[in-house]
Amino acid sequence: MKKKNEIWTVVTPQMHRRLKEYAEQNKIAATRAKMIMYILYNFHPKELLEDYTFRTKEGKMINIKVSDAELSYIENLAKKHNVTISRLLRNMVYTYFYTLDKGEIVSDLTDVNGEKV
């Protein structure tokens, strides 16, 4: 499947580093972009948290190529949360790691092999 659409976000340097480290440690994804897509499809918080430490000039950009179906899913998710796609991605990443750190992540998340994370 040719992925002709591109979306992007800018995250804090800490989240940028954490995405890669967590994905590698848990064998969930090979890249930051794939880790973000994993979060979008497997993590469904009731509400998104805002990363108030984020500053655009200090941020790290992440580009993600997506299919038409993936783009539609992400656009609908952004609309549901009333944010732009870039902000949705940043807030989903922040919320994911915040809840993980607080021990609130539900236990049904799995890695690419179907093993519980």
PDB file of N, CA and C in Angstrom:
ATOM      1  N   MET A   1       0.838  -1.163   0.000  1.00  0.00           N
ATOM      2  CA  MET A   1       0.000   0.000   0.000  1.00  0.00           C
ATOM      3  C   MET A   1       0.894   1.240   0.000  1.00  0.00           C
ATOM      4  N   LYS A   2       0.704   2.094  -0.968  1.00  0.00           N
ATOM      5  CA  LYS A   2       1.473   3.333  -1.082  1.00  0.00           C
ATOM      6  C   LYS A   2       0.904   4.363  -0.123  1.00  0.00           C
ATOM      7  N   LYS A   3       1.762   4.893   0.707  1.00  0.00           N
ATOM      8  CA  LYS A   3       1.340   5.911   1.666  1.00  0.00           C
ATOM      9  C   LYS A   3       1.742   7.266   1.114  1.00  0.00           C
ATOM     10  N   LYS A   4       0.761   7.992   0.590  1.00  0.00           N
ATOM     11  CA  LYS A   4       1.071   9.242  -0.093  1.00  0.00           C
ATOM     12  C   LYS A   4       0.800  10.479   0.747  1.00  0.00           C
ATOM     13  N   ASN A   5       0.145  10.305   1.886  1.00  0.00           N
ATOM     14  CA  ASN A   5      -0.151  11.438   2.757  1.00  0.00           C
ATOM     15  C   ASN A   5       0.925  11.553   3.825  1.00  0.00           C
ATOM     16  N   GLU A   6       1.147  12.779   4.270  1.00  0.00           N
ATOM     17  CA  GLU A   6       2.147  12.990   5.304  1.00  0.00           C
ATOM     18  C   GLU A   6       1.568  13.889   6.391  1.00  0.00           C
ATOM     19  N   ILE A   7       1.753  13.474   7.629  1.00  0.00           N
ATOM     20  CA  ILE A   7       1.354  14.286   8.771  1.00  0.00           C
ATOM     21  C   ILE A   7       2.604  14.517   9.608  1.00  0.00           C
ATOM     22  N   TRP A   8       2.546  15.479  10.493  1.00  0.00           N
ATOM     23  CA  TRP A   8       3.721  15.778  11.299  1.00  0.00           C
ATOM     24  C   TRP A   8       3.307  16.304  12.657  1.00  0.00           C
ATOM     25  N   THR A   9       4.253  16.269  13.553  1.00  0.00           N
ATOM     26  CA  THR A   9       4.097  16.889  14.856  1.00  0.00           C
ATOM     27  C   THR A   9       5.469  17.315  15.336  1.00  0.00           C
ATOM     28  N   VAL A  10       5.472  18.163  16.338  1.00  0.00           N
ATOM     29  CA  VAL A  10       6.702  18.577  16.999  1.00  0.00           C
ATOM     30  C   VAL A  10       6.529  18.234  18.468  1.00  0.00           C
ATOM     31  N   VAL A  11       7.498  17.525  19.029  1.00  0.00           N
ATOM     32  CA  VAL A  11       7.436  17.113  20.433  1.00  0.00           C
ATOM     33  C   VAL A  11       8.662  17.635  21.172  1.00  0.00           C
ATOM     34  N   THR A  12       8.607  17.595  22.487  1.00  0.00           N
ATOM     35  CA  THR A  12       9.756  18.024  23.283  1.00  0.00           C
ATOM     36  C   THR A  12      10.918  17.059  23.044  1.00  0.00           C
ATOM     37  N   PRO A  13      12.142  17.525  23.242  1.00  0.00           N
ATOM     38  CA  PRO A  13      13.293  16.622  23.094  1.00  0.00           C
ATOM     39  C   PRO A  13      13.180  15.389  23.998  1.00  0.00           C
ATOM     40  N   GLN A  14      12.604  15.552  25.183  1.00  0.00           N
ATOM     41  CA  GLN A  14      12.438  14.422  26.102  1.00  0.00           C
ATOM     42  C   GLN A  14      11.486  13.376  25.521  1.00  0.00           C
ATOM     43  N   MET A  15      10.354  13.818  24.969  1.00  0.00           N
ATOM     44  CA  MET A  15       9.389  12.884  24.376  1.00  0.00           C
ATOM     45  C   MET A  15       9.984  12.239  23.126  1.00  0.00           C
ATOM     46  N   HIS A  16      10.750  12.999  22.364  1.00  0.00           N
ATOM     47  CA  HIS A  16      11.398  12.486  21.157  1.00  0.00           C
ATOM     48  C   HIS A  16      12.313  11.313  21.517  1.00  0.00           C
ATOM     49  N   ARG A  17      13.134  11.509  22.536  1.00  0.00           N
ATOM     50  CA  ARG A  17      14.055  10.468  23.001  1.00  0.00           C
ATOM     51  C   ARG A  17      13.283   9.291  23.600  1.00  0.00           C
ATOM     52  N   ARG A  18      12.268   9.606  24.372  1.00  0.00           N
ATOM     53  CA  ARG A  18      11.498   8.563  25.060  1.00  0.00           C
ATOM     54  C   ARG A  18      10.749   7.662  24.081  1.00  0.00           C
ATOM     55  N   LEU A  19      10.210   8.239  23.014  1.00  0.00           N
ATOM     56  CA  LEU A  19       9.511   7.441  21.997  1.00  0.00           C
ATOM     57  C   LEU A  19      10.410   6.336  21.462  1.00  0.00           C
ATOM     58  N   LYS A  20      11.618   6.688  21.098  1.00  0.00           N
ATOM     59  CA  LYS A  20      12.554   5.718  20.520  1.00  0.00           C
ATOM     60  C   LYS A  20      12.975   4.683  21.556  1.00  0.00           C
ATOM     61  N   GLU A  21      13.337   5.143  22.752  1.00  0.00           N
ATOM     62  CA  GLU A  21      13.798   4.225  23.800  1.00  0.00           C
ATOM     63  C   GLU A  21      12.714   3.225  24.188  1.00  0.00           C
ATOM     64  N   TYR A  22      11.502   3.715  24.384  1.00  0.00           N
ATOM     65  CA  TYR A  22      10.405   2.845  24.810  1.00  0.00           C
ATOM     66  C   TYR A  22      10.062   1.826  23.727  1.00  0.00           C
ATOM     67  N   ALA A  23      10.020   2.283  22.488  1.00  0.00           N
ATOM     68  CA  ALA A  23       9.700   1.385  21.372  1.00  0.00           C
ATOM     69  C   ALA A  23      10.741   0.280  21.245  1.00  0.00           C
ATOM     70  N   GLU A  24      12.013   0.632  21.396  1.00  0.00           N
ATOM     71  CA  GLU A  24      13.084  -0.366  21.285  1.00  0.00           C
ATOM     72  C   GLU A  24      13.070  -1.333  22.466  1.00  0.00           C
ATOM     73  N   GLN A  25      12.917  -0.813  23.678  1.00  0.00           N
ATOM     74  CA  GLN A  25      12.921  -1.660  24.875  1.00  0.00           C
ATOM     75  C   GLN A  25      11.791  -2.677  24.861  1.00  0.00           C
ATOM     76  N   ASN A  26      10.622  -2.249  24.409  1.00  0.00           N
ATOM     77  CA  ASN A  26       9.444  -3.111  24.436  1.00  0.00           C
ATOM     78  C   ASN A  26       9.171  -3.798  23.107  1.00  0.00           C
ATOM     79  N   LYS A  27      10.069  -3.601  22.143  1.00  0.00           N
ATOM     80  CA  LYS A  27       9.947  -4.207  20.817  1.00  0.00           C
ATOM     81  C   LYS A  27       8.569  -3.963  20.194  1.00  0.00           C
ATOM     82  N   ILE A  28       8.113  -2.721  20.337  1.00  0.00           N
ATOM     83  CA  ILE A  28       6.806  -2.349  19.800  1.00  0.00           C
ATOM     84  C   ILE A  28       6.940  -1.831  18.372  1.00  0.00           C
ATOM     85  N   ALA A  29       7.931  -0.974  18.141  1.00  0.00           N
ATOM     86  CA  ALA A  29       8.073  -0.345  16.829  1.00  0.00           C
ATOM     87  C   ALA A  29       9.544  -0.053  16.562  1.00  0.00           C
ATOM     88  N   ALA A  30       9.877   0.098  15.288  1.00  0.00           N
ATOM     89  CA  ALA A  30      11.264   0.353  14.907  1.00  0.00           C
ATOM     90  C   ALA A  30      11.586   1.842  14.821  1.00  0.00           C
ATOM     91  N   THR A  31      10.565   2.675  14.661  1.00  0.00           N
ATOM     92  CA  THR A  31      10.788   4.111  14.508  1.00  0.00           C
ATOM     93  C   THR A  31       9.830   4.895  15.393  1.00  0.00           C
ATOM     94  N   ARG A  32      10.138   6.173  15.562  1.00  0.00           N
ATOM     95  CA  ARG A  32       9.252   7.047  16.341  1.00  0.00           C
ATOM     96  C   ARG A  32       7.883   7.158  15.668  1.00  0.00           C
ATOM     97  N   ALA A  33       7.894   7.272  14.350  1.00  0.00           N
ATOM     98  CA  ALA A  33       6.637   7.398  13.607  1.00  0.00           C
ATOM     99  C   ALA A  33       5.747   6.177  13.834  1.00  0.00           C
ATOM    100  N   LYS A  34       6.335   4.991  13.780  1.00  0.00           N
ATOM    101  CA  LYS A  34       5.547   3.770  14.000  1.00  0.00           C
ATOM    102  C   LYS A  34       5.073   3.676  15.442  1.00  0.00           C
ATOM    103  N   MET A  35       5.871   4.179  16.375  1.00  0.00           N
ATOM    104  CA  MET A  35       5.456   4.181  17.777  1.00  0.00           C
ATOM    105  C   MET A  35       4.259   5.103  17.966  1.00  0.00           C
ATOM    106  N   ILE A  36       4.270   6.256  17.309  1.00  0.00           N
ATOM    107  CA  ILE A  36       3.127   7.172  17.395  1.00  0.00           C
ATOM    108  C   ILE A  36       1.888   6.515  16.802  1.00  0.00           C
ATOM    109  N   MET A  37       2.034   5.840  15.672  1.00  0.00           N
ATOM    110  CA  MET A  37       0.889   5.160  15.068  1.00  0.00           C
ATOM    111  C   MET A  37       0.378   4.059  15.995  1.00  0.00           C
ATOM    112  N   TYR A  38       1.287   3.352  16.647  1.00  0.00           N
ATOM    113  CA  TYR A  38       0.894   2.328  17.625  1.00  0.00           C
ATOM    114  C   TYR A  38       0.055   2.963  18.734  1.00  0.00           C
ATOM    115  N   ILE A  39       0.513   4.096  19.248  1.00  0.00           N
ATOM    116  CA  ILE A  39      -0.222   4.787  20.313  1.00  0.00           C
ATOM    117  C   ILE A  39      -1.605   5.192  19.816  1.00  0.00           C
ATOM    118  N   LEU A  40      -1.685   5.753  18.615  1.00  0.00           N
ATOM    119  CA  LEU A  40      -2.975   6.209  18.078  1.00  0.00           C
ATOM    120  C   LEU A  40      -3.997   5.083  17.974  1.00  0.00           C
ATOM    121  N   TYR A  41      -3.543   3.907  17.586  1.00  0.00           N
ATOM    122  CA  TYR A  41      -4.465   2.797  17.370  1.00  0.00           C
ATOM    123  C   TYR A  41      -4.698   1.925  18.599  1.00  0.00           C
ATOM    124  N   ASN A  42      -3.817   1.986  19.595  1.00  0.00           N
ATOM    125  CA  ASN A  42      -3.929   1.076  20.732  1.00  0.00           C
ATOM    126  C   ASN A  42      -4.156   1.744  22.079  1.00  0.00           C
ATOM    127  N   PHE A  43      -4.131   3.046  22.127  1.00  0.00           N
ATOM    128  CA  PHE A  43      -4.290   3.780  23.378  1.00  0.00           C
ATOM    129  C   PHE A  43      -5.476   4.719  23.214  1.00  0.00           C
ATOM    130  N   HIS A  44      -6.474   4.565  24.068  1.00  0.00           N
ATOM    131  CA  HIS A  44      -7.708   5.341  23.926  1.00  0.00           C
ATOM    132  C   HIS A  44      -8.057   6.035  25.242  1.00  0.00           C
ATOM    133  N   PRO A  45      -7.365   7.146  25.541  1.00  0.00           N
ATOM    134  CA  PRO A  45      -7.641   7.848  26.797  1.00  0.00           C
ATOM    135  C   PRO A  45      -8.989   8.560  26.745  1.00  0.00           C
ATOM    136  N   LYS A  46      -9.591   8.747  27.908  1.00  0.00           N
ATOM    137  CA  LYS A  46     -10.867   9.468  27.963  1.00  0.00           C
ATOM    138  C   LYS A  46     -10.670  10.922  27.564  1.00  0.00           C
ATOM    139  N   GLU A  47      -9.536  11.486  27.981  1.00  0.00           N
ATOM    140  CA  GLU A  47      -9.216  12.856  27.588  1.00  0.00           C
ATOM    141  C   GLU A  47      -7.713  12.982  27.369  1.00  0.00           C
ATOM    142  N   LEU A  48      -7.347  13.973  26.571  1.00  0.00           N
ATOM    143  CA  LEU A  48      -5.934  14.208  26.282  1.00  0.00           C
ATOM    144  C   LEU A  48      -5.363  15.221  27.260  1.00  0.00           C
ATOM    145  N   LEU A  49      -4.132  14.993  27.660  1.00  0.00           N
ATOM    146  CA  LEU A  49      -3.428  15.943  28.508  1.00  0.00           C
ATOM    147  C   LEU A  49      -2.551  16.824  27.633  1.00  0.00           C
ATOM    148  N   GLU A  50      -2.347  18.042  28.068  1.00  0.00           N
ATOM    149  CA  GLU A  50      -1.522  19.002  27.338  1.00  0.00           C
ATOM    150  C   GLU A  50      -0.124  19.026  27.953  1.00  0.00           C
ATOM    151  N   ASP A  51       0.895  18.998  27.112  1.00  0.00           N
ATOM    152  CA  ASP A  51       2.278  19.093  27.585  1.00  0.00           C
ATOM    153  C   ASP A  51       2.647  20.570  27.665  1.00  0.00           C
ATOM    154  N   TYR A  52       2.571  21.136  28.865  1.00  0.00           N
ATOM    155  CA  TYR A  52       2.843  22.564  29.031  1.00  0.00           C
ATOM    156  C   TYR A  52       4.331  22.892  29.015  1.00  0.00           C
ATOM    157  N   THR A  53       5.192  21.885  28.961  1.00  0.00           N
ATOM    158  CA  THR A  53       6.630  22.139  28.843  1.00  0.00           C
ATOM    159  C   THR A  53       7.034  22.324  27.381  1.00  0.00           C
ATOM    160  N   PHE A  54       6.116  22.082  26.448  1.00  0.00           N
ATOM    161  CA  PHE A  54       6.421  22.147  25.022  1.00  0.00           C
ATOM    162  C   PHE A  54       6.672  23.583  24.572  1.00  0.00           C
ATOM    163  N   ARG A  55       7.771  23.775  23.838  1.00  0.00           N
ATOM    164  CA  ARG A  55       8.109  25.040  23.191  1.00  0.00           C
ATOM    165  C   ARG A  55       8.507  24.705  21.758  1.00  0.00           C
ATOM    166  N   THR A  56       7.873  25.355  20.801  1.00  0.00           N
ATOM    167  CA  THR A  56       8.105  25.042  19.393  1.00  0.00           C
ATOM    168  C   THR A  56       9.577  25.141  19.013  1.00  0.00           C
ATOM    169  N   LYS A  57      10.247  26.205  19.441  1.00  0.00           N
ATOM    170  CA  LYS A  57      11.637  26.403  19.014  1.00  0.00           C
ATOM    171  C   LYS A  57      12.582  25.323  19.540  1.00  0.00           C
ATOM    172  N   GLU A  58      12.218  24.657  20.639  1.00  0.00           N
ATOM    173  CA  GLU A  58      13.058  23.601  21.200  1.00  0.00           C
ATOM    174  C   GLU A  58      12.616  22.210  20.734  1.00  0.00           C
ATOM    175  N   GLY A  59      11.492  22.151  20.032  1.00  0.00           N
ATOM    176  CA  GLY A  59      10.899  20.872  19.672  1.00  0.00           C
ATOM    177  C   GLY A  59      11.635  20.108  18.586  1.00  0.00           C
ATOM    178  N   LYS A  60      11.302  18.832  18.501  1.00  0.00           N
ATOM    179  CA  LYS A  60      11.846  17.933  17.480  1.00  0.00           C
ATOM    180  C   LYS A  60      10.691  17.480  16.592  1.00  0.00           C
ATOM    181  N   MET A  61      10.870  17.626  15.284  1.00  0.00           N
ATOM    182  CA  MET A  61       9.806  17.277  14.345  1.00  0.00           C
ATOM    183  C   MET A  61       9.818  15.787  14.012  1.00  0.00           C
ATOM    184  N   ILE A  62       8.615  15.243  13.877  1.00  0.00           N
ATOM    185  CA  ILE A  62       8.443  13.858  13.444  1.00  0.00           C
ATOM    186  C   ILE A  62       7.441  13.861  12.295  1.00  0.00           C
ATOM    187  N   ASN A  63       7.859  13.343  11.138  1.00  0.00           N
ATOM    188  CA  ASN A  63       6.983  13.211   9.970  1.00  0.00           C
ATOM    189  C   ASN A  63       6.536  11.764   9.854  1.00  0.00           C
ATOM    190  N   ILE A  64       5.268  11.589   9.497  1.00  0.00           N
ATOM    191  CA  ILE A  64       4.717  10.241   9.369  1.00  0.00           C
ATOM    192  C   ILE A  64       3.971  10.136   8.047  1.00  0.00           C
ATOM    193  N   LYS A  65       4.327   9.149   7.248  1.00  0.00           N
ATOM    194  CA  LYS A  65       3.582   8.878   6.016  1.00  0.00           C
ATOM    195  C   LYS A  65       2.426   7.950   6.365  1.00  0.00           C
ATOM    196  N   VAL A  66       1.227   8.315   5.893  1.00  0.00           N
ATOM    197  CA  VAL A  66       0.031   7.542   6.215  1.00  0.00           C
ATOM    198  C   VAL A  66      -0.799   7.283   4.964  1.00  0.00           C
ATOM    199  N   SER A  67      -1.584   6.217   5.015  1.00  0.00           N
ATOM    200  CA  SER A  67      -2.502   5.889   3.920  1.00  0.00           C
ATOM    201  C   SER A  67      -3.740   6.775   4.033  1.00  0.00           C
ATOM    202  N   ASP A  68      -4.593   6.717   3.033  1.00  0.00           N
ATOM    203  CA  ASP A  68      -5.840   7.479   3.072  1.00  0.00           C
ATOM    204  C   ASP A  68      -6.701   7.055   4.260  1.00  0.00           C
ATOM    205  N   ALA A  69      -6.780   5.755   4.512  1.00  0.00           N
ATOM    206  CA  ALA A  69      -7.589   5.249   5.628  1.00  0.00           C
ATOM    207  C   ALA A  69      -7.021   5.711   6.968  1.00  0.00           C
ATOM    208  N   GLU A  70      -5.695   5.665   7.105  1.00  0.00           N
ATOM    209  CA  GLU A  70      -5.062   6.120   8.347  1.00  0.00           C
ATOM    210  C   GLU A  70      -5.293   7.614   8.547  1.00  0.00           C
ATOM    211  N   LEU A  71      -5.166   8.389   7.472  1.00  0.00           N
ATOM    212  CA  LEU A  71      -5.385   9.829   7.555  1.00  0.00           C
ATOM    213  C   LEU A  71      -6.814  10.126   7.982  1.00  0.00           C
ATOM    214  N   SER A  72      -7.763   9.424   7.415  1.00  0.00           N
ATOM    215  CA  SER A  72      -9.168   9.615   7.777  1.00  0.00           C
ATOM    216  C   SER A  72      -9.393   9.314   9.259  1.00  0.00           C
ATOM    217  N   TYR A  73      -8.822   8.220   9.744  1.00  0.00           N
ATOM    218  CA  TYR A  73      -8.936   7.848  11.161  1.00  0.00           C
ATOM    219  C   TYR A  73      -8.354   8.945  12.055  1.00  0.00           C
ATOM    220  N   ILE A  74      -7.175   9.444  11.689  1.00  0.00           N
ATOM    221  CA  ILE A  74      -6.497  10.467  12.491  1.00  0.00           C
ATOM    222  C   ILE A  74      -7.262  11.783  12.445  1.00  0.00           C
ATOM    223  N   GLU A  75      -7.781  12.151  11.273  1.00  0.00           N
ATOM    224  CA  GLU A  75      -8.581  13.379  11.164  1.00  0.00           C
ATOM    225  C   GLU A  75      -9.824  13.299  12.043  1.00  0.00           C
ATOM    226  N   ASN A  76     -10.487  12.146  12.042  1.00  0.00           N
ATOM    227  CA  ASN A  76     -11.673  11.974  12.890  1.00  0.00           C
ATOM    228  C   ASN A  76     -11.319  12.039  14.369  1.00  0.00           C
ATOM    229  N   LEU A  77     -10.192  11.476  14.735  1.00  0.00           N
ATOM    230  CA  LEU A  77      -9.731  11.516  16.125  1.00  0.00           C
ATOM    231  C   LEU A  77      -9.412  12.958  16.537  1.00  0.00           C
ATOM    232  N   ALA A  78      -8.771  13.704  15.650  1.00  0.00           N
ATOM    233  CA  ALA A  78      -8.456  15.110  15.928  1.00  0.00           C
ATOM    234  C   ALA A  78      -9.739  15.924  16.081  1.00  0.00           C
ATOM    235  N   LYS A  79     -10.709  15.644  15.221  1.00  0.00           N
ATOM    236  CA  LYS A  79     -11.989  16.338  15.298  1.00  0.00           C
ATOM    237  C   LYS A  79     -12.698  16.015  16.613  1.00  0.00           C
ATOM    238  N   LYS A  80     -12.650  14.755  17.015  1.00  0.00           N
ATOM    239  CA  LYS A  80     -13.277  14.321  18.270  1.00  0.00           C
ATOM    240  C   LYS A  80     -12.706  15.085  19.466  1.00  0.00           C
ATOM    241  N   HIS A  81     -11.392  15.311  19.447  1.00  0.00           N
ATOM    242  CA  HIS A  81     -10.729  16.011  20.551  1.00  0.00           C
ATOM    243  C   HIS A  81     -10.618  17.517  20.301  1.00  0.00           C
ATOM    244  N   ASN A  82     -11.126  17.979  19.160  1.00  0.00           N
ATOM    245  CA  ASN A  82     -11.154  19.397  18.806  1.00  0.00           C
ATOM    246  C   ASN A  82      -9.749  20.025  18.793  1.00  0.00           C
ATOM    247  N   VAL A  83      -8.807  19.337  18.147  1.00  0.00           N
ATOM    248  CA  VAL A  83      -7.432  19.824  18.024  1.00  0.00           C
ATOM    249  C   VAL A  83      -6.933  19.569  16.602  1.00  0.00           C
ATOM    250  N   THR A  84      -5.824  20.199  16.259  1.00  0.00           N
ATOM    251  CA  THR A  84      -5.197  19.923  14.966  1.00  0.00           C
ATOM    252  C   THR A  84      -4.530  18.547  15.021  1.00  0.00           C
ATOM    253  N   ILE A  85      -4.196  18.018  13.867  1.00  0.00           N
ATOM    254  CA  ILE A  85      -3.529  16.713  13.823  1.00  0.00           C
ATOM    255  C   ILE A  85      -2.190  16.772  14.559  1.00  0.00           C
ATOM    256  N   SER A  86      -1.427  17.830  14.329  1.00  0.00           N
ATOM    257  CA  SER A  86      -0.126  17.961  14.985  1.00  0.00           C
ATOM    258  C   SER A  86      -0.272  17.964  16.508  1.00  0.00           C
ATOM    259  N   ARG A  87      -1.236  18.714  16.987  1.00  0.00           N
ATOM    260  CA  ARG A  87      -1.467  18.779  18.438  1.00  0.00           C
ATOM    261  C   ARG A  87      -1.995  17.449  18.974  1.00  0.00           C
ATOM    262  N   LEU A  88      -2.851  16.783  18.205  1.00  0.00           N
ATOM    263  CA  LEU A  88      -3.356  15.465  18.603  1.00  0.00           C
ATOM    264  C   LEU A  88      -2.195  14.498  18.819  1.00  0.00           C
ATOM    265  N   LEU A  89      -1.286  14.436  17.860  1.00  0.00           N
ATOM    266  CA  LEU A  89      -0.155  13.517  17.962  1.00  0.00           C
ATOM    267  C   LEU A  89       0.702  13.837  19.182  1.00  0.00           C
ATOM    268  N   ARG A  90       1.015  15.119  19.372  1.00  0.00           N
ATOM    269  CA  ARG A  90       1.831  15.530  20.517  1.00  0.00           C
ATOM    270  C   ARG A  90       1.136  15.189  21.834  1.00  0.00           C
ATOM    271  N   ASN A  91      -0.154  15.493  21.935  1.00  0.00           N
ATOM    272  CA  ASN A  91      -0.893  15.240  23.174  1.00  0.00           C
ATOM    273  C   ASN A  91      -1.095  13.752  23.436  1.00  0.00           C
ATOM    274  N   MET A  92      -1.283  12.965  22.380  1.00  0.00           N
ATOM    275  CA  MET A  92      -1.421  11.515  22.565  1.00  0.00           C
ATOM    276  C   MET A  92      -0.125  10.926  23.115  1.00  0.00           C
ATOM    277  N   VAL A  93       1.003  11.358  22.572  1.00  0.00           N
ATOM    278  CA  VAL A  93       2.304  10.875  23.054  1.00  0.00           C
ATOM    279  C   VAL A  93       2.498  11.281  24.510  1.00  0.00           C
ATOM    280  N   TYR A  94       2.228  12.546  24.806  1.00  0.00           N
ATOM    281  CA  TYR A  94       2.405  13.028  26.181  1.00  0.00           C
ATOM    282  C   TYR A  94       1.480  12.280  27.143  1.00  0.00           C
ATOM    283  N   THR A  95       0.216  12.135  26.776  1.00  0.00           N
ATOM    284  CA  THR A  95      -0.760  11.443  27.627  1.00  0.00           C
ATOM    285  C   THR A  95      -0.365   9.989  27.829  1.00  0.00           C
ATOM    286  N   TYR A  96       0.101   9.340  26.778  1.00  0.00           N
ATOM    287  CA  TYR A  96       0.524   7.942  26.859  1.00  0.00           C
ATOM    288  C   TYR A  96       1.628   7.773  27.899  1.00  0.00           C
ATOM    289  N   PHE A  97       2.674   8.570  27.788  1.00  0.00           N
ATOM    290  CA  PHE A  97       3.796   8.419  28.717  1.00  0.00           C
ATOM    291  C   PHE A  97       3.455   8.919  30.121  1.00  0.00           C
ATOM    292  N   TYR A  98       2.604   9.927  30.213  1.00  0.00           N
ATOM    293  CA  TYR A  98       2.174  10.403  31.529  1.00  0.00           C
ATOM    294  C   TYR A  98       1.408   9.303  32.266  1.00  0.00           C
ATOM    295  N   THR A  99       0.460   8.671  31.593  1.00  0.00           N
ATOM    296  CA  THR A  99      -0.322   7.611  32.237  1.00  0.00           C
ATOM    297  C   THR A  99       0.526   6.370  32.483  1.00  0.00           C
ATOM    298  N   LEU A 100       1.482   6.119  31.611  1.00  0.00           N
ATOM    299  CA  LEU A 100       2.403   4.998  31.817  1.00  0.00           C
ATOM    300  C   LEU A 100       3.224   5.228  33.088  1.00  0.00           C
ATOM    301  N   ASP A 101       3.735   6.441  33.244  1.00  0.00           N
ATOM    302  CA  ASP A 101       4.526   6.784  34.432  1.00  0.00           C
ATOM    303  C   ASP A 101       3.702   6.719  35.708  1.00  0.00           C
ATOM    304  N   LYS A 102       2.424   7.050  35.604  1.00  0.00           N
ATOM    305  CA  LYS A 102       1.533   7.021  36.770  1.00  0.00           C
ATOM    306  C   LYS A 102       0.982   5.624  37.036  1.00  0.00           C
ATOM    307  N   GLY A 103       1.309   4.680  36.160  1.00  0.00           N
ATOM    308  CA  GLY A 103       0.828   3.312  36.335  1.00  0.00           C
ATOM    309  C   GLY A 103      -0.627   3.136  35.965  1.00  0.00           C
ATOM    310  N   GLU A 104      -1.137   4.028  35.116  1.00  0.00           N
ATOM    311  CA  GLU A 104      -2.553   3.989  34.759  1.00  0.00           C
ATOM    312  C   GLU A 104      -2.821   3.353  33.401  1.00  0.00           C
ATOM    313  N   ILE A 105      -1.779   2.941  32.696  1.00  0.00           N
ATOM    314  CA  ILE A 105      -1.981   2.306  31.385  1.00  0.00           C
ATOM    315  C   ILE A 105      -2.711   0.985  31.596  1.00  0.00           C
ATOM    316  N   VAL A 106      -3.727   0.781  30.795  1.00  0.00           N
ATOM    317  CA  VAL A 106      -4.461  -0.478  30.894  1.00  0.00           C
ATOM    318  C   VAL A 106      -3.575  -1.625  30.455  1.00  0.00           C
ATOM    319  N   SER A 107      -3.825  -2.788  30.976  1.00  0.00           N
ATOM    320  CA  SER A 107      -2.922  -3.915  30.753  1.00  0.00           C
ATOM    321  C   SER A 107      -3.168  -4.674  29.453  1.00  0.00           C
ATOM    322  N   ASP A 108      -4.027  -4.181  28.573  1.00  0.00           N
ATOM    323  CA  ASP A 108      -4.281  -4.928  27.343  1.00  0.00           C
ATOM    324  C   ASP A 108      -3.452  -4.445  26.160  1.00  0.00           C
ATOM    325  N   LEU A 109      -2.437  -3.604  26.383  1.00  0.00           N
ATOM    326  CA  LEU A 109      -1.560  -3.190  25.301  1.00  0.00           C
ATOM    327  C   LEU A 109      -0.620  -4.337  24.963  1.00  0.00           C
ATOM    328  N   THR A 110      -0.354  -4.508  23.673  1.00  0.00           N
ATOM    329  CA  THR A 110       0.511  -5.600  23.233  1.00  0.00           C
ATOM    330  C   THR A 110       1.601  -5.077  22.310  1.00  0.00           C
ATOM    331  N   ASP A 111       2.688  -5.836  22.192  1.00  0.00           N
ATOM    332  CA  ASP A 111       3.731  -5.481  21.241  1.00  0.00           C
ATOM    333  C   ASP A 111       3.385  -6.092  19.884  1.00  0.00           C
ATOM    334  N   VAL A 112       4.293  -5.947  18.927  1.00  0.00           N
ATOM    335  CA  VAL A 112       4.018  -6.432  17.575  1.00  0.00           C
ATOM    336  C   VAL A 112       3.842  -7.939  17.505  1.00  0.00           C
ATOM    337  N   ASN A 113       4.320  -8.658  18.502  1.00  0.00           N
ATOM    338  CA  ASN A 113       4.182 -10.116  18.532  1.00  0.00           C
ATOM    339  C   ASN A 113       2.944 -10.576  19.288  1.00  0.00           C
ATOM    340  N   GLY A 114       2.121  -9.624  19.740  1.00  0.00           N
ATOM    341  CA  GLY A 114       0.922  -9.979  20.483  1.00  0.00           C
ATOM    342  C   GLY A 114       1.180 -10.233  21.959  1.00  0.00           C
ATOM    343  N   GLU A 115       2.404  -9.978  22.412  1.00  0.00           N
ATOM    344  CA  GLU A 115       2.754 -10.161  23.822  1.00  0.00           C
ATOM    345  C   GLU A 115       2.325  -8.926  24.608  1.00  0.00           C
ATOM    346  N   LYS A 116       1.841  -9.128  25.822  1.00  0.00           N
ATOM    347  CA  LYS A 116       1.455  -7.988  26.651  1.00  0.00           C
ATOM    348  C   LYS A 116       2.669  -7.151  27.001  1.00  0.00           C
ATOM    349  N   VAL A 117       2.480  -5.832  26.961  1.00  0.00           N
ATOM    350  CA  VAL A 117       3.552  -4.888  27.284  1.00  0.00           C
ATOM    351  C   VAL A 117       3.555  -4.649  28.778  1.00  0.00           C
TER     352      VAL A 117
END
